[in-house]
Amino acid sequence: MKKPPPDTAVADVAPTDSKLTEYDEQHLVTYWRMLDADKEGADWREVAQLVLHIDPEREHDRARRAFDTHLARAKWMSEQGYRQLLRGGTANPNL
């Protein structure tokens, strides 16, 4: 598995697959930052701006959708997806 870049551009909607995706592997840092912000009770608009790089003032609906779906995916990763990551991620065909 390749080391994810620190600031990878995000999609408008995070994956919802039941298996780990390449997008997940590329956005581990984003997911960690989302979880940290959630734990701290950060305002979603600030997280959208700083973590997802989407201006909630200019693109409210897009920012909210990206925030909600990426936070949900980050939680999935912390509860289930990490197991697949530990078994070798998407490079392991036996997921």
PDB file of N, CA and C in Angstrom:
ATOM      1  N   MET A   1       0.841  -1.179   0.000  1.00  0.00           N
ATOM      2  CA  MET A   1       0.000   0.000   0.000  1.00  0.00           C
ATOM      3  C   MET A   1       0.888   1.244   0.000  1.00  0.00           C
ATOM      4  N   LYS A   2       0.530   2.183  -0.834  1.00  0.00           N
ATOM      5  CA  LYS A   2       1.284   3.430  -0.931  1.00  0.00           C
ATOM      6  C   LYS A   2       0.906   4.368   0.207  1.00  0.00           C
ATOM      7  N   LYS A   3       1.849   5.180   0.617  1.00  0.00           N
ATOM      8  CA  LYS A   3       1.594   6.187   1.629  1.00  0.00           C
ATOM      9  C   LYS A   3       0.680   7.258   1.019  1.00  0.00           C
ATOM     10  N   PRO A   4      -0.442   7.592   1.704  1.00  0.00           N
ATOM     11  CA  PRO A   4      -1.343   8.592   1.130  1.00  0.00           C
ATOM     12  C   PRO A   4      -0.740   9.989   1.219  1.00  0.00           C
ATOM     13  N   PRO A   5      -0.977  10.810   0.196  1.00  0.00           N
ATOM     14  CA  PRO A   5      -0.521  12.193   0.281  1.00  0.00           C
ATOM     15  C   PRO A   5      -1.324  12.919   1.354  1.00  0.00           C
ATOM     16  N   PRO A   6      -0.758  13.943   1.974  1.00  0.00           N
ATOM     17  CA  PRO A   6      -1.422  14.617   3.087  1.00  0.00           C
ATOM     18  C   PRO A   6      -2.690  15.375   2.703  1.00  0.00           C
ATOM     19  N   ASP A   7      -2.817  15.834   1.496  1.00  0.00           N
ATOM     20  CA  ASP A   7      -3.975  16.626   1.106  1.00  0.00           C
ATOM     21  C   ASP A   7      -4.465  16.220  -0.277  1.00  0.00           C
ATOM     22  N   THR A   8      -5.194  15.137  -0.341  1.00  0.00           N
ATOM     23  CA  THR A   8      -5.719  14.638  -1.594  1.00  0.00           C
ATOM     24  C   THR A   8      -7.090  15.259  -1.832  1.00  0.00           C
ATOM     25  N   ALA A   9      -7.354  15.690  -3.051  1.00  0.00           N
ATOM     26  CA  ALA A   9      -8.658  16.269  -3.376  1.00  0.00           C
ATOM     27  C   ALA A   9      -9.757  15.254  -3.082  1.00  0.00           C
ATOM     28  N   VAL A  10     -10.868  15.740  -2.556  1.00  0.00           N
ATOM     29  CA  VAL A  10     -11.958  14.851  -2.191  1.00  0.00           C
ATOM     30  C   VAL A  10     -13.080  14.876  -3.220  1.00  0.00           C
ATOM     31  N   ALA A  11     -13.789  13.771  -3.290  1.00  0.00           N
ATOM     32  CA  ALA A  11     -14.977  13.670  -4.134  1.00  0.00           C
ATOM     33  C   ALA A  11     -16.139  14.351  -3.408  1.00  0.00           C
ATOM     34  N   ASP A  12     -17.177  14.640  -4.147  1.00  0.00           N
ATOM     35  CA  ASP A  12     -18.365  15.243  -3.532  1.00  0.00           C
ATOM     36  C   ASP A  12     -19.049  14.289  -2.564  1.00  0.00           C
ATOM     37  N   VAL A  13     -18.903  12.988  -2.825  1.00  0.00           N
ATOM     38  CA  VAL A  13     -19.511  11.961  -1.985  1.00  0.00           C
ATOM     39  C   VAL A  13     -18.481  10.858  -1.742  1.00  0.00           C
ATOM     40  N   ALA A  14     -18.318  10.474  -0.482  1.00  0.00           N
ATOM     41  CA  ALA A  14     -17.393   9.396  -0.135  1.00  0.00           C
ATOM     42  C   ALA A  14     -17.997   8.045  -0.531  1.00  0.00           C
ATOM     43  N   PRO A  15     -17.155   7.030  -0.697  1.00  0.00           N
ATOM     44  CA  PRO A  15     -17.658   5.700  -1.052  1.00  0.00           C
ATOM     45  C   PRO A  15     -18.601   5.137   0.016  1.00  0.00           C
ATOM     46  N   THR A  16     -19.438   4.223  -0.411  1.00  0.00           N
ATOM     47  CA  THR A  16     -20.334   3.537   0.524  1.00  0.00           C
ATOM     48  C   THR A  16     -20.182   2.022   0.399  1.00  0.00           C
ATOM     49  N   ASP A  17     -19.184   1.570  -0.331  1.00  0.00           N
ATOM     50  CA  ASP A  17     -18.947   0.146  -0.533  1.00  0.00           C
ATOM     51  C   ASP A  17     -18.744  -0.547   0.821  1.00  0.00           C
ATOM     52  N   SER A  18     -19.018  -1.831   0.849  1.00  0.00           N
ATOM     53  CA  SER A  18     -18.773  -2.597   2.068  1.00  0.00           C
ATOM     54  C   SER A  18     -17.335  -3.106   2.121  1.00  0.00           C
ATOM     55  N   LYS A  19     -16.588  -2.827   1.063  1.00  0.00           N
ATOM     56  CA  LYS A  19     -15.175  -3.180   1.019  1.00  0.00           C
ATOM     57  C   LYS A  19     -14.333  -1.915   0.896  1.00  0.00           C
ATOM     58  N   LEU A  20     -13.123  -2.018   1.375  1.00  0.00           N
ATOM     59  CA  LEU A  20     -12.151  -0.938   1.268  1.00  0.00           C
ATOM     60  C   LEU A  20     -11.914  -0.595  -0.197  1.00  0.00           C
ATOM     61  N   THR A  21     -11.827   0.687  -0.505  1.00  0.00           N
ATOM     62  CA  THR A  21     -11.595   1.125  -1.877  1.00  0.00           C
ATOM     63  C   THR A  21     -10.244   1.842  -1.977  1.00  0.00           C
ATOM     64  N   GLU A  22      -9.800   2.021  -3.212  1.00  0.00           N
ATOM     65  CA  GLU A  22      -8.574   2.804  -3.414  1.00  0.00           C
ATOM     66  C   GLU A  22      -8.783   4.229  -2.911  1.00  0.00           C
ATOM     67  N   TYR A  23      -9.980   4.754  -3.086  1.00  0.00           N
ATOM     68  CA  TYR A  23     -10.286   6.100  -2.588  1.00  0.00           C
ATOM     69  C   TYR A  23     -10.058   6.154  -1.073  1.00  0.00           C
ATOM     70  N   ASP A  24     -10.519   5.118  -0.367  1.00  0.00           N
ATOM     71  CA  ASP A  24     -10.310   5.071   1.089  1.00  0.00           C
ATOM     72  C   ASP A  24      -8.821   5.111   1.420  1.00  0.00           C
ATOM     73  N   GLU A  25      -8.053   4.306   0.721  1.00  0.00           N
ATOM     74  CA  GLU A  25      -6.618   4.266   0.994  1.00  0.00           C
ATOM     75  C   GLU A  25      -5.957   5.612   0.711  1.00  0.00           C
ATOM     76  N   GLN A  26      -6.426   6.303  -0.299  1.00  0.00           N
ATOM     77  CA  GLN A  26      -5.858   7.602  -0.652  1.00  0.00           C
ATOM     78  C   GLN A  26      -6.295   8.702   0.307  1.00  0.00           C
ATOM     79  N   HIS A  27      -7.363   8.472   1.066  1.00  0.00           N
ATOM     80  CA  HIS A  27      -7.922   9.518   1.922  1.00  0.00           C
ATOM     81  C   HIS A  27      -7.861   9.197   3.414  1.00  0.00           C
ATOM     82  N   LEU A  28      -6.918   8.350   3.802  1.00  0.00           N
ATOM     83  CA  LEU A  28      -6.785   8.013   5.215  1.00  0.00           C
ATOM     84  C   LEU A  28      -6.544   9.253   6.074  1.00  0.00           C
ATOM     85  N   VAL A  29      -5.700  10.135   5.598  1.00  0.00           N
ATOM     86  CA  VAL A  29      -5.415  11.355   6.361  1.00  0.00           C
ATOM     87  C   VAL A  29      -6.683  12.196   6.506  1.00  0.00           C
ATOM     88  N   THR A  30      -7.451  12.295   5.442  1.00  0.00           N
ATOM     89  CA  THR A  30      -8.724  13.026   5.493  1.00  0.00           C
ATOM     90  C   THR A  30      -9.636  12.400   6.543  1.00  0.00           C
ATOM     91  N   TYR A  31      -9.756  11.085   6.528  1.00  0.00           N
ATOM     92  CA  TYR A  31     -10.620  10.402   7.490  1.00  0.00           C
ATOM     93  C   TYR A  31     -10.145  10.640   8.926  1.00  0.00           C
ATOM     94  N   TRP A  32      -8.845  10.562   9.151  1.00  0.00           N
ATOM     95  CA  TRP A  32      -8.325  10.802  10.503  1.00  0.00           C
ATOM     96  C   TRP A  32      -8.655  12.222  10.961  1.00  0.00           C
ATOM     97  N   ARG A  33      -8.479  13.160  10.051  1.00  0.00           N
ATOM     98  CA  ARG A  33      -8.772  14.558  10.389  1.00  0.00           C
ATOM     99  C   ARG A  33     -10.262  14.747  10.660  1.00  0.00           C
ATOM    100  N   MET A  34     -11.111  14.066   9.900  1.00  0.00           N
ATOM    101  CA  MET A  34     -12.558  14.140  10.120  1.00  0.00           C
ATOM    102  C   MET A  34     -12.912  13.592  11.505  1.00  0.00           C
ATOM    103  N   LEU A  35     -12.328  12.462  11.865  1.00  0.00           N
ATOM    104  CA  LEU A  35     -12.606  11.863  13.170  1.00  0.00           C
ATOM    105  C   LEU A  35     -12.117  12.747  14.309  1.00  0.00           C
ATOM    106  N   ASP A  36     -10.946  13.331  14.152  1.00  0.00           N
ATOM    107  CA  ASP A  36     -10.420  14.247  15.169  1.00  0.00           C
ATOM    108  C   ASP A  36     -11.340  15.448  15.339  1.00  0.00           C
ATOM    109  N   ALA A  37     -11.770  16.024  14.244  1.00  0.00           N
ATOM    110  CA  ALA A  37     -12.657  17.184  14.298  1.00  0.00           C
ATOM    111  C   ALA A  37     -13.989  16.825  14.942  1.00  0.00           C
ATOM    112  N   ASP A  38     -14.516  15.648  14.610  1.00  0.00           N
ATOM    113  CA  ASP A  38     -15.776  15.200  15.200  1.00  0.00           C
ATOM    114  C   ASP A  38     -15.636  15.029  16.708  1.00  0.00           C
ATOM    115  N   LYS A  39     -14.535  14.431  17.115  1.00  0.00           N
ATOM    116  CA  LYS A  39     -14.286  14.216  18.547  1.00  0.00           C
ATOM    117  C   LYS A  39     -14.202  15.549  19.298  1.00  0.00           C
ATOM    118  N   GLU A  40     -13.638  16.555  18.649  1.00  0.00           N
ATOM    119  CA  GLU A  40     -13.494  17.870  19.271  1.00  0.00           C
ATOM    120  C   GLU A  40     -14.758  18.717  19.178  1.00  0.00           C
ATOM    121  N   GLY A  41     -15.757  18.215  18.445  1.00  0.00           N
ATOM    122  CA  GLY A  41     -17.002  18.971  18.298  1.00  0.00           C
ATOM    123  C   GLY A  41     -16.874  20.166  17.373  1.00  0.00           C
ATOM    124  N   ALA A  42     -15.976  20.091  16.409  1.00  0.00           N
ATOM    125  CA  ALA A  42     -15.760  21.206  15.479  1.00  0.00           C
ATOM    126  C   ALA A  42     -17.002  21.440  14.617  1.00  0.00           C
ATOM    127  N   ASP A  43     -17.218  22.675  14.254  1.00  0.00           N
ATOM    128  CA  ASP A  43     -18.328  23.039  13.385  1.00  0.00           C
ATOM    129  C   ASP A  43     -18.112  22.430  12.003  1.00  0.00           C
ATOM    130  N   TRP A  44     -19.144  21.839  11.444  1.00  0.00           N
ATOM    131  CA  TRP A  44     -19.019  21.153  10.159  1.00  0.00           C
ATOM    132  C   TRP A  44     -18.521  22.083   9.065  1.00  0.00           C
ATOM    133  N   ARG A  45     -18.921  23.354   9.125  1.00  0.00           N
ATOM    134  CA  ARG A  45     -18.501  24.306   8.089  1.00  0.00           C
ATOM    135  C   ARG A  45     -16.986  24.528   8.119  1.00  0.00           C
ATOM    136  N   GLU A  46     -16.444  24.596   9.308  1.00  0.00           N
ATOM    137  CA  GLU A  46     -14.994  24.767   9.439  1.00  0.00           C
ATOM    138  C   GLU A  46     -14.253  23.536   8.922  1.00  0.00           C
ATOM    139  N   VAL A  47     -14.793  22.358   9.219  1.00  0.00           N
ATOM    140  CA  VAL A  47     -14.184  21.116   8.759  1.00  0.00           C
ATOM    141  C   VAL A  47     -14.253  21.025   7.235  1.00  0.00           C
ATOM    142  N   ALA A  48     -15.397  21.390   6.677  1.00  0.00           N
ATOM    143  CA  ALA A  48     -15.541  21.369   5.214  1.00  0.00           C
ATOM    144  C   ALA A  48     -14.503  22.279   4.567  1.00  0.00           C
ATOM    145  N   GLN A  49     -14.300  23.436   5.152  1.00  0.00           N
ATOM    146  CA  GLN A  49     -13.352  24.411   4.604  1.00  0.00           C
ATOM    147  C   GLN A  49     -11.909  23.932   4.760  1.00  0.00           C
ATOM    148  N   LEU A  50     -11.540  23.525   5.965  1.00  0.00           N
ATOM    149  CA  LEU A  50     -10.141  23.219   6.260  1.00  0.00           C
ATOM    150  C   LEU A  50      -9.700  21.816   5.842  1.00  0.00           C
ATOM    151  N   VAL A  51     -10.577  20.850   5.975  1.00  0.00           N
ATOM    152  CA  VAL A  51     -10.204  19.466   5.691  1.00  0.00           C
ATOM    153  C   VAL A  51     -10.581  19.057   4.268  1.00  0.00           C
ATOM    154  N   LEU A  52     -11.803  19.426   3.861  1.00  0.00           N
ATOM    155  CA  LEU A  52     -12.286  19.005   2.550  1.00  0.00           C
ATOM    156  C   LEU A  52     -12.007  20.031   1.456  1.00  0.00           C
ATOM    157  N   HIS A  53     -11.632  21.218   1.859  1.00  0.00           N
ATOM    158  CA  HIS A  53     -11.321  22.304   0.928  1.00  0.00           C
ATOM    159  C   HIS A  53     -12.516  22.683   0.056  1.00  0.00           C
ATOM    160  N   ILE A  54     -13.688  22.718   0.699  1.00  0.00           N
ATOM    161  CA  ILE A  54     -14.914  23.150   0.026  1.00  0.00           C
ATOM    162  C   ILE A  54     -15.481  24.309   0.833  1.00  0.00           C
ATOM    163  N   ASP A  55     -15.737  25.411   0.188  1.00  0.00           N
ATOM    164  CA  ASP A  55     -16.253  26.606   0.861  1.00  0.00           C
ATOM    165  C   ASP A  55     -17.754  26.448   1.112  1.00  0.00           C
ATOM    166  N   PRO A  56     -18.163  26.297   2.364  1.00  0.00           N
ATOM    167  CA  PRO A  56     -19.579  26.101   2.663  1.00  0.00           C
ATOM    168  C   PRO A  56     -20.437  27.343   2.408  1.00  0.00           C
ATOM    169  N   GLU A  57     -19.821  28.495   2.345  1.00  0.00           N
ATOM    170  CA  GLU A  57     -20.573  29.716   2.038  1.00  0.00           C
ATOM    171  C   GLU A  57     -20.946  29.752   0.557  1.00  0.00           C
ATOM    172  N   ARG A  58     -20.039  29.338  -0.284  1.00  0.00           N
ATOM    173  CA  ARG A  58     -20.274  29.353  -1.736  1.00  0.00           C
ATOM    174  C   ARG A  58     -21.006  28.106  -2.219  1.00  0.00           C
ATOM    175  N   GLU A  59     -20.711  26.963  -1.605  1.00  0.00           N
ATOM    176  CA  GLU A  59     -21.277  25.689  -2.051  1.00  0.00           C
ATOM    177  C   GLU A  59     -21.841  24.912  -0.859  1.00  0.00           C
ATOM    178  N   HIS A  60     -22.858  25.470  -0.243  1.00  0.00           N
ATOM    179  CA  HIS A  60     -23.413  24.910   0.991  1.00  0.00           C
ATOM    180  C   HIS A  60     -23.806  23.443   0.855  1.00  0.00           C
ATOM    181  N   ASP A  61     -24.629  23.123  -0.131  1.00  0.00           N
ATOM    182  CA  ASP A  61     -25.131  21.757  -0.274  1.00  0.00           C
ATOM    183  C   ASP A  61     -24.011  20.765  -0.569  1.00  0.00           C
ATOM    184  N   ARG A  62     -23.107  21.148  -1.454  1.00  0.00           N
ATOM    185  CA  ARG A  62     -21.977  20.281  -1.782  1.00  0.00           C
ATOM    186  C   ARG A  62     -21.097  20.065  -0.557  1.00  0.00           C
ATOM    187  N   ALA A  63     -20.818  21.123   0.174  1.00  0.00           N
ATOM    188  CA  ALA A  63     -19.977  21.029   1.367  1.00  0.00           C
ATOM    189  C   ALA A  63     -20.622  20.136   2.418  1.00  0.00           C
ATOM    190  N   ARG A  64     -21.926  20.310   2.624  1.00  0.00           N
ATOM    191  CA  ARG A  64     -22.622  19.513   3.645  1.00  0.00           C
ATOM    192  C   ARG A  64     -22.645  18.039   3.253  1.00  0.00           C
ATOM    193  N   ARG A  65     -22.929  17.752   1.992  1.00  0.00           N
ATOM    194  CA  ARG A  65     -22.965  16.370   1.512  1.00  0.00           C
ATOM    195  C   ARG A  65     -21.577  15.726   1.635  1.00  0.00           C
ATOM    196  N   ALA A  66     -20.547  16.443   1.240  1.00  0.00           N
ATOM    197  CA  ALA A  66     -19.189  15.911   1.347  1.00  0.00           C
ATOM    198  C   ALA A  66     -18.816  15.677   2.807  1.00  0.00           C
ATOM    199  N   PHE A  67     -19.155  16.632   3.659  1.00  0.00           N
ATOM    200  CA  PHE A  67     -18.857  16.478   5.086  1.00  0.00           C
ATOM    201  C   PHE A  67     -19.559  15.246   5.653  1.00  0.00           C
ATOM    202  N   ASP A  68     -20.862  15.150   5.432  1.00  0.00           N
ATOM    203  CA  ASP A  68     -21.643  14.043   5.996  1.00  0.00           C
ATOM    204  C   ASP A  68     -21.145  12.689   5.504  1.00  0.00           C
ATOM    205  N   THR A  69     -20.893  12.565   4.208  1.00  0.00           N
ATOM    206  CA  THR A  69     -20.494  11.270   3.666  1.00  0.00           C
ATOM    207  C   THR A  69     -19.065  10.900   4.047  1.00  0.00           C
ATOM    208  N   HIS A  70     -18.178  11.886   4.129  1.00  0.00           N
ATOM    209  CA  HIS A  70     -16.804  11.577   4.524  1.00  0.00           C
ATOM    210  C   HIS A  70     -16.705  11.255   6.017  1.00  0.00           C
ATOM    211  N   LEU A  71     -17.504  11.914   6.826  1.00  0.00           N
ATOM    212  CA  LEU A  71     -17.505  11.575   8.249  1.00  0.00           C
ATOM    213  C   LEU A  71     -18.082  10.173   8.447  1.00  0.00           C
ATOM    214  N   ALA A  72     -19.144   9.844   7.738  1.00  0.00           N
ATOM    215  CA  ALA A  72     -19.716   8.499   7.843  1.00  0.00           C
ATOM    216  C   ALA A  72     -18.692   7.454   7.409  1.00  0.00           C
ATOM    217  N   ARG A  73     -17.968   7.735   6.335  1.00  0.00           N
ATOM    218  CA  ARG A  73     -16.966   6.787   5.854  1.00  0.00           C
ATOM    219  C   ARG A  73     -15.804   6.688   6.833  1.00  0.00           C
ATOM    220  N   ALA A  74     -15.415   7.790   7.412  1.00  0.00           N
ATOM    221  CA  ALA A  74     -14.343   7.778   8.411  1.00  0.00           C
ATOM    222  C   ALA A  74     -14.742   6.900   9.597  1.00  0.00           C
ATOM    223  N   LYS A  75     -15.986   7.006  10.019  1.00  0.00           N
ATOM    224  CA  LYS A  75     -16.461   6.164  11.130  1.00  0.00           C
ATOM    225  C   LYS A  75     -16.478   4.701  10.719  1.00  0.00           C
ATOM    226  N   TRP A  76     -16.908   4.416   9.489  1.00  0.00           N
ATOM    227  CA  TRP A  76     -16.888   3.043   8.992  1.00  0.00           C
ATOM    228  C   TRP A  76     -15.463   2.499   8.998  1.00  0.00           C
ATOM    229  N   MET A  77     -14.528   3.323   8.539  1.00  0.00           N
ATOM    230  CA  MET A  77     -13.122   2.904   8.519  1.00  0.00           C
ATOM    231  C   MET A  77     -12.635   2.571   9.922  1.00  0.00           C
ATOM    232  N   SER A  78     -13.042   3.364  10.910  1.00  0.00           N
ATOM    233  CA  SER A  78     -12.568   3.143  12.280  1.00  0.00           C
ATOM    234  C   SER A  78     -13.231   1.934  12.932  1.00  0.00           C
ATOM    235  N   GLU A  79     -14.378   1.521  12.408  1.00  0.00           N
ATOM    236  CA  GLU A  79     -15.110   0.401  12.994  1.00  0.00           C
ATOM    237  C   GLU A  79     -14.931  -0.908  12.214  1.00  0.00           C
ATOM    238  N   GLN A  80     -14.818  -0.825  10.884  1.00  0.00           N
ATOM    239  CA  GLN A  80     -14.753  -2.032  10.063  1.00  0.00           C
ATOM    240  C   GLN A  80     -13.640  -2.008   9.027  1.00  0.00           C
ATOM    241  N   GLY A  81     -13.521  -0.915   8.302  1.00  0.00           N
ATOM    242  CA  GLY A  81     -12.582  -0.840   7.188  1.00  0.00           C
ATOM    243  C   GLY A  81     -11.135  -1.069   7.569  1.00  0.00           C
ATOM    244  N   TYR A  82     -10.780  -0.702   8.793  1.00  0.00           N
ATOM    245  CA  TYR A  82      -9.385  -0.842   9.202  1.00  0.00           C
ATOM    246  C   TYR A  82      -8.931  -2.299   9.161  1.00  0.00           C
ATOM    247  N   ARG A  83      -9.867  -3.229   9.378  1.00  0.00           N
ATOM    248  CA  ARG A  83      -9.510  -4.650   9.339  1.00  0.00           C
ATOM    249  C   ARG A  83      -9.005  -5.039   7.948  1.00  0.00           C
ATOM    250  N   GLN A  84      -9.710  -4.552   6.943  1.00  0.00           N
ATOM    251  CA  GLN A  84      -9.303  -4.827   5.566  1.00  0.00           C
ATOM    252  C   GLN A  84      -7.966  -4.163   5.263  1.00  0.00           C
ATOM    253  N   LEU A  85      -7.769  -2.986   5.808  1.00  0.00           N
ATOM    254  CA  LEU A  85      -6.511  -2.268   5.620  1.00  0.00           C
ATOM    255  C   LEU A  85      -5.355  -3.066   6.230  1.00  0.00           C
ATOM    256  N   LEU A  86      -5.571  -3.607   7.418  1.00  0.00           N
ATOM    257  CA  LEU A  86      -4.532  -4.385   8.083  1.00  0.00           C
ATOM    258  C   LEU A  86      -4.206  -5.687   7.357  1.00  0.00           C
ATOM    259  N   ARG A  87      -5.157  -6.203   6.599  1.00  0.00           N
ATOM    260  CA  ARG A  87      -4.930  -7.432   5.828  1.00  0.00           C
ATOM    261  C   ARG A  87      -4.295  -7.163   4.481  1.00  0.00           C
ATOM    262  N   GLY A  88      -3.895  -5.931   4.235  1.00  0.00           N
ATOM    263  CA  GLY A  88      -3.192  -5.612   2.998  1.00  0.00           C
ATOM    264  C   GLY A  88      -3.935  -4.659   2.098  1.00  0.00           C
ATOM    265  N   GLY A  89      -5.111  -4.212   2.506  1.00  0.00           N
ATOM    266  CA  GLY A  89      -5.848  -3.225   1.737  1.00  0.00           C
ATOM    267  C   GLY A  89      -6.317  -3.754   0.394  1.00  0.00           C
ATOM    268  N   THR A  90      -6.493  -2.853  -0.546  1.00  0.00           N
ATOM    269  CA  THR A  90      -7.003  -3.229  -1.865  1.00  0.00           C
ATOM    270  C   THR A  90      -6.006  -4.058  -2.659  1.00  0.00           C
ATOM    271  N   ALA A  91      -4.749  -4.058  -2.246  1.00  0.00           N
ATOM    272  CA  ALA A  91      -3.736  -4.855  -2.942  1.00  0.00           C
ATOM    273  C   ALA A  91      -3.900  -6.353  -2.637  1.00  0.00           C
ATOM    274  N   ASN A  92      -4.656  -6.680  -1.591  1.00  0.00           N
ATOM    275  CA  ASN A  92      -4.879  -8.056  -1.204  1.00  0.00           C
ATOM    276  C   ASN A  92      -6.199  -8.539  -1.825  1.00  0.00           C
ATOM    277  N   PRO A  93      -6.154  -9.406  -2.803  1.00  0.00           N
ATOM    278  CA  PRO A  93      -7.381  -9.859  -3.472  1.00  0.00           C
ATOM    279  C   PRO A  93      -8.270 -10.728  -2.605  1.00  0.00           C
ATOM    280  N   ASN A  94      -7.795 -11.140  -1.441  1.00  0.00           N
ATOM    281  CA  ASN A  94      -8.572 -12.025  -0.560  1.00  0.00           C
ATOM    282  C   ASN A  94      -9.345 -11.266   0.505  1.00  0.00           C
ATOM    283  N   LEU A  95      -9.666  -9.999   0.233  1.00  0.00           N
ATOM    284  CA  LEU A  95     -10.450  -9.228   1.205  1.00  0.00           C
ATOM    285  C   LEU A  95     -11.772  -9.891   1.303  1.00  0.00           C
TER     286      LEU A  95
END
